[in-house]
Amino acid sequence: MMTKVYGKLFEDGRDGFLIIKPSKPFFGCSKHEKRFPVSEGSVDIELTPTPPGIQYLVAFKDPGDFSRTEFTLKWRVPAVDQLDVSPAKPKVKDPTPAPGSISDQVQLKRLATELASSLQQVATLQQELRQTQSRLDDVTSKFDTYKLSAELSLSSRDAAITSLKDSSEPEIRTVYKSVPVPAAPLKQRISFLEDELDRLNKINNEYYQSVVELHQLKLDRAQSLPSPGPISSPEDTPRQRLINKLFNR
């Protein structure tokens, strides 16, 4: 079983060769050096997994470099399908915050917490607003339906009242009914009316007698007064005419 060894060895993309040999020969791998190409700083080769205690010695040479090989890397290849030999990038150390920025971070954290709480409240209010709007739309729809139904009912009622008014006008009839009156009450009524007529006649006669006496008194008084001048004919004076009129009655 061979292990695929790959990775980016040089960031500058150089070309060259890797010189690899085991620190000790082992079964399946001789002690001699082997050359593997490096293209654009990357390598992609297959190596036999190393037994415990044995490593591969690795060196890099530029094309045309035939000087003595100096091995600078040691690889231990486990029995796996693939092995990435790219150099681990150094971790960037987080900058230590200045003492004055700690309070700023605390304040920013507090503001972030308050902002999250405000956003949660806004979301809750928006949900309540949507529910309220939905209920309002439902109530408005029901009210419109009720209003239309009420208008239709009123229209039907007015039409029915108009129809009844036109078809059932009151008919006025004069009915003459003859009601017989008993004889005894009728006689009593006649007797009462006759007595009442006699009484009124008597009052009228008394009134007339009083008027005559009054005129007589006025006449006697006028005769007792001295005459201011020549007296005209008795029949031509107003007094004589009044006396004649009274006596003629």
Protein backbone atom coordinates (compact mmCIF):
# COMPACT_ATOMS: atom_id res chain seq x y z
CA MET A 1 0.00 0.00 0.00
CA MET A 2 1.36 3.38 -1.01
CA THR A 3 0.51 6.74 0.59
CA LYS A 4 -0.20 9.74 -1.61
CA VAL A 5 1.91 12.66 -0.37
CA TYR A 6 0.91 16.13 -1.64
CA GLY A 7 1.02 19.73 -0.60
CA LYS A 8 2.21 23.27 -1.25
CA LEU A 9 5.83 23.47 -0.09
CA PHE A 10 6.75 26.94 -1.43
CA GLU A 11 4.46 29.95 -1.63
CA ASP A 12 6.64 31.61 -4.29
CA GLY A 13 5.76 28.85 -6.82
CA ARG A 14 9.33 27.73 -7.52
CA ASP A 15 10.25 24.61 -9.50
CA GLY A 16 12.87 22.02 -8.56
CA PHE A 17 13.35 18.55 -7.11
CA LEU A 18 12.83 16.79 -3.80
CA ILE A 19 15.60 14.44 -2.79
CA ILE A 20 14.18 11.74 -0.50
CA LYS A 21 15.78 8.72 1.16
CA PRO A 22 14.90 6.69 4.27
CA SER A 23 16.90 7.15 7.46
CA LYS A 24 17.32 3.36 7.42
CA PRO A 25 16.50 0.94 4.65
CA PHE A 26 13.34 -1.15 5.30
CA PHE A 27 11.38 -3.76 3.49
CA GLY A 28 10.07 -2.25 0.23
CA CYS A 29 12.38 0.78 0.23
CA SER A 30 16.07 0.92 -0.59
CA LYS A 31 18.60 3.21 1.07
CA HIS A 32 19.29 5.15 -2.15
CA GLU A 33 18.09 8.67 -2.84
CA LYS A 34 15.08 9.29 -5.07
CA ARG A 35 14.27 12.48 -6.97
CA PHE A 36 10.71 13.82 -7.25
CA PRO A 37 9.71 16.93 -9.26
CA VAL A 38 8.39 20.09 -7.60
CA SER A 39 6.13 22.13 -9.92
CA GLU A 40 5.08 25.68 -8.96
CA GLY A 41 6.01 24.99 -5.35
CA SER A 42 3.75 21.91 -5.07
CA VAL A 43 4.48 18.21 -4.86
CA ASP A 44 2.31 15.19 -5.59
CA ILE A 45 4.05 11.84 -5.11
CA GLU A 46 3.55 8.35 -3.61
CA LEU A 47 5.72 6.91 -0.83
CA THR A 48 5.81 3.68 1.11
CA PRO A 49 4.60 4.11 4.70
CA THR A 50 7.50 4.21 7.16
CA PRO A 51 7.82 1.60 9.91
CA PRO A 52 8.15 2.76 13.53
CA GLY A 53 11.47 4.50 14.26
CA ILE A 54 12.22 5.20 10.54
CA GLN A 55 11.73 8.52 8.75
CA TYR A 56 12.25 9.94 5.29
CA LEU A 57 15.03 12.50 4.95
CA VAL A 58 13.95 15.28 2.57
CA ALA A 59 15.98 17.96 0.74
CA PHE A 60 15.19 20.44 -2.04
CA LYS A 61 17.40 21.31 -5.00
CA ASP A 62 16.97 23.74 -7.84
CA PRO A 63 17.20 22.45 -11.41
CA GLY A 64 20.87 21.99 -12.39
CA ASP A 65 22.11 21.89 -8.75
CA PHE A 66 24.51 18.93 -8.40
CA SER A 67 26.11 19.93 -5.11
CA ARG A 68 26.17 17.76 -2.03
CA THR A 69 22.69 17.11 -0.72
CA GLU A 70 21.82 18.53 2.68
CA PHE A 71 18.65 17.06 4.13
CA THR A 72 16.63 19.61 6.08
CA LEU A 73 13.26 17.87 6.60
CA LYS A 74 12.15 14.63 8.18
CA TRP A 75 8.87 13.01 7.18
CA ARG A 76 7.13 10.16 8.91
CA VAL A 77 4.58 8.70 6.51
CA PRO A 78 1.73 6.73 8.18
CA ALA A 79 -0.24 3.99 6.47
CA VAL A 80 -3.05 6.21 5.18
CA ASP A 81 -4.46 7.01 1.76
CA GLN A 82 -3.32 10.66 1.66
CA LEU A 83 -0.96 12.90 3.58
CA ASP A 84 -0.78 16.70 3.26
CA VAL A 85 2.78 17.93 3.83
CA SER A 86 2.04 21.64 3.35
CA PRO A 87 3.88 23.68 5.98
CA ALA A 88 1.58 24.73 8.76
CA LYS A 89 0.96 28.46 8.62
CA PRO A 90 1.89 30.26 11.83
CA LYS A 91 -1.12 31.26 13.83
CA VAL A 92 -1.72 34.95 13.96
CA LYS A 93 -1.64 35.99 17.54
CA ASP A 94 -4.64 38.02 18.57
CA PRO A 95 -3.59 41.51 19.45
CA THR A 96 -3.77 42.15 23.14
CA PRO A 97 -6.35 44.82 23.70
CA ALA A 98 -5.15 47.96 25.29
CA PRO A 99 -6.31 48.55 28.84
CA GLY A 100 -8.46 51.43 27.69
CA SER A 101 -10.31 49.28 25.13
CA ILE A 102 -11.62 46.75 27.69
CA SER A 103 -14.30 49.14 28.85
CA ASP A 104 -15.17 49.79 25.19
CA GLN A 105 -15.58 46.08 24.59
CA VAL A 106 -17.78 45.78 27.69
CA GLN A 107 -19.89 48.67 26.47
CA LEU A 108 -20.09 47.19 22.98
CA LYS A 109 -21.16 43.86 24.46
CA ARG A 110 -23.81 45.60 26.54
CA LEU A 111 -25.04 47.53 23.50
CA ALA A 112 -25.14 44.31 21.48
CA THR A 113 -27.22 42.67 24.21
CA GLU A 114 -29.60 45.63 24.34
CA LEU A 115 -29.84 45.64 20.55
CA ALA A 116 -30.69 41.95 20.51
CA SER A 117 -33.35 42.52 23.19
CA SER A 118 -34.79 45.47 21.23
CA LEU A 119 -34.90 43.42 18.05
CA GLN A 120 -36.70 40.66 19.92
CA GLN A 121 -39.23 43.17 21.26
CA VAL A 122 -39.70 44.62 17.78
CA ALA A 123 -40.32 41.14 16.38
CA THR A 124 -42.86 40.46 19.16
CA LEU A 125 -44.63 43.77 18.53
CA GLN A 126 -44.72 43.10 14.80
CA GLN A 127 -46.26 39.70 15.45
CA GLU A 128 -48.87 41.25 17.75
CA LEU A 129 -49.53 43.96 15.15
CA ARG A 130 -50.11 41.34 12.46
CA GLN A 131 -52.50 39.46 14.75
CA THR A 132 -54.35 42.67 15.64
CA GLN A 133 -54.59 43.64 11.97
CA SER A 134 -55.96 40.19 11.17
CA ARG A 135 -58.61 40.50 13.90
CA LEU A 136 -59.45 44.03 12.68
CA ASP A 137 -59.89 42.78 9.13
CA ASP A 138 -62.15 39.99 10.41
CA VAL A 139 -64.28 42.40 12.46
CA THR A 140 -64.48 44.85 9.53
CA SER A 141 -65.63 42.07 7.21
CA LYS A 142 -68.29 40.95 9.69
CA PHE A 143 -69.45 44.55 10.18
CA ASP A 144 -69.75 45.11 6.42
CA THR A 145 -71.76 41.89 6.10
CA TYR A 146 -74.05 42.91 8.97
CA LYS A 147 -74.48 46.41 7.52
CA LEU A 148 -75.44 45.02 4.12
CA SER A 149 -77.88 42.59 5.74
CA ALA A 150 -79.43 45.41 7.80
CA GLU A 151 -79.82 47.61 4.73
CA LEU A 152 -81.50 44.78 2.84
CA SER A 153 -83.84 44.13 5.78
CA LEU A 154 -84.77 47.82 6.02
CA SER A 155 -85.39 48.01 2.28
CA SER A 156 -87.63 44.93 2.44
CA ARG A 157 -89.52 46.38 5.41
CA ASP A 158 -90.08 49.72 3.66
CA ALA A 159 -91.29 47.93 0.53
CA ALA A 160 -93.68 45.80 2.58
CA ILE A 161 -95.04 48.86 4.43
CA THR A 162 -95.57 50.71 1.14
CA SER A 163 -97.34 47.71 -0.36
CA LEU A 164 -99.62 47.34 2.67
CA LYS A 165 -100.35 51.06 2.67
CA ASP A 166 -101.32 51.02 -0.99
CA SER A 167 -103.40 47.85 -0.77
CA SER A 168 -105.21 48.54 2.50
CA GLU A 169 -106.39 52.16 2.42
CA PRO A 170 -109.03 52.70 5.15
CA GLU A 171 -112.64 52.81 3.82
CA ILE A 172 -114.90 55.22 5.67
CA ARG A 173 -118.62 54.42 5.69
CA THR A 174 -121.47 56.30 7.35
CA VAL A 175 -123.94 53.98 8.95
CA TYR A 176 -127.32 55.27 10.03
CA LYS A 177 -128.88 53.14 12.69
CA SER A 178 -132.37 53.55 13.99
CA VAL A 179 -132.56 52.93 17.70
CA PRO A 180 -136.09 52.80 19.14
CA VAL A 181 -136.62 54.87 22.28
CA PRO A 182 -138.89 53.46 24.98
CA ALA A 183 -142.21 55.27 25.44
CA ALA A 184 -141.80 56.23 29.11
CA PRO A 185 -138.46 58.04 28.76
CA LEU A 186 -139.71 59.76 25.62
CA LYS A 187 -142.72 61.16 27.48
CA GLN A 188 -140.51 62.33 30.30
CA ARG A 189 -138.27 64.08 27.78
CA ILE A 190 -141.22 65.79 26.10
CA SER A 191 -142.63 66.91 29.44
CA PHE A 192 -139.27 68.30 30.47
CA LEU A 193 -138.92 70.22 27.19
CA GLU A 194 -142.43 71.71 27.56
CA ASP A 195 -141.70 72.85 31.12
CA GLU A 196 -138.45 74.35 29.98
CA LEU A 197 -140.24 76.20 27.16
CA ASP A 198 -142.82 77.64 29.61
CA ARG A 199 -140.06 78.79 31.90
CA LEU A 200 -138.21 80.54 29.08
CA ASN A 201 -141.43 82.23 27.91
CA LYS A 202 -142.07 83.48 31.43
CA ILE A 203 -138.58 84.88 31.67
CA ASN A 204 -138.99 86.56 28.31
CA ASN A 205 -142.30 88.18 29.41
CA GLU A 206 -140.73 89.42 32.61
CA TYR A 207 -137.87 90.93 30.66
CA TYR A 208 -140.27 92.63 28.27
CA GLN A 209 -142.35 94.03 31.19
CA SER A 210 -139.20 95.42 32.75
CA VAL A 211 -138.29 97.18 29.52
CA VAL A 212 -141.77 98.71 29.31
CA GLU A 213 -141.62 99.97 32.88
CA LEU A 214 -138.21 101.47 32.24
CA HIS A 215 -139.45 103.36 29.24
CA GLN A 216 -142.48 104.51 31.22
CA LEU A 217 -140.24 105.91 33.90
CA LYS A 218 -138.20 107.74 31.34
CA LEU A 219 -141.41 109.12 29.80
CA ASP A 220 -142.76 110.34 33.15
CA ARG A 221 -139.52 112.05 33.90
CA ALA A 222 -139.48 113.73 30.53
CA GLN A 223 -143.03 115.06 31.04
CA SER A 224 -142.17 116.57 34.42
CA LEU A 225 -139.37 118.68 32.94
CA PRO A 226 -140.23 122.28 31.67
CA SER A 227 -140.54 122.58 27.93
CA PRO A 228 -137.76 124.64 26.39
CA GLY A 229 -139.74 125.80 23.36
CA PRO A 230 -142.70 125.17 21.15
CA ILE A 231 -143.89 121.63 21.30
CA SER A 232 -144.38 119.86 18.09
CA SER A 233 -147.22 117.50 17.38
CA PRO A 234 -147.31 114.57 19.83
CA GLU A 235 -147.34 112.11 17.08
CA ASP A 236 -144.17 113.55 15.52
CA THR A 237 -141.89 113.49 18.58
CA PRO A 238 -139.54 110.57 19.19
CA ARG A 239 -141.06 109.96 22.59
CA GLN A 240 -144.55 109.62 21.12
CA ARG A 241 -143.30 107.28 18.46
CA LEU A 242 -141.64 105.09 21.15
CA ILE A 243 -144.81 105.06 23.24
CA ASN A 244 -146.91 104.13 20.25
CA LYS A 245 -144.50 101.39 19.35
CA LEU A 246 -144.60 99.92 22.85
CA PHE A 247 -148.36 100.04 23.07
CA ASN A 248 -148.78 98.47 19.65
CA ARG A 249 -146.93 95.46 20.84
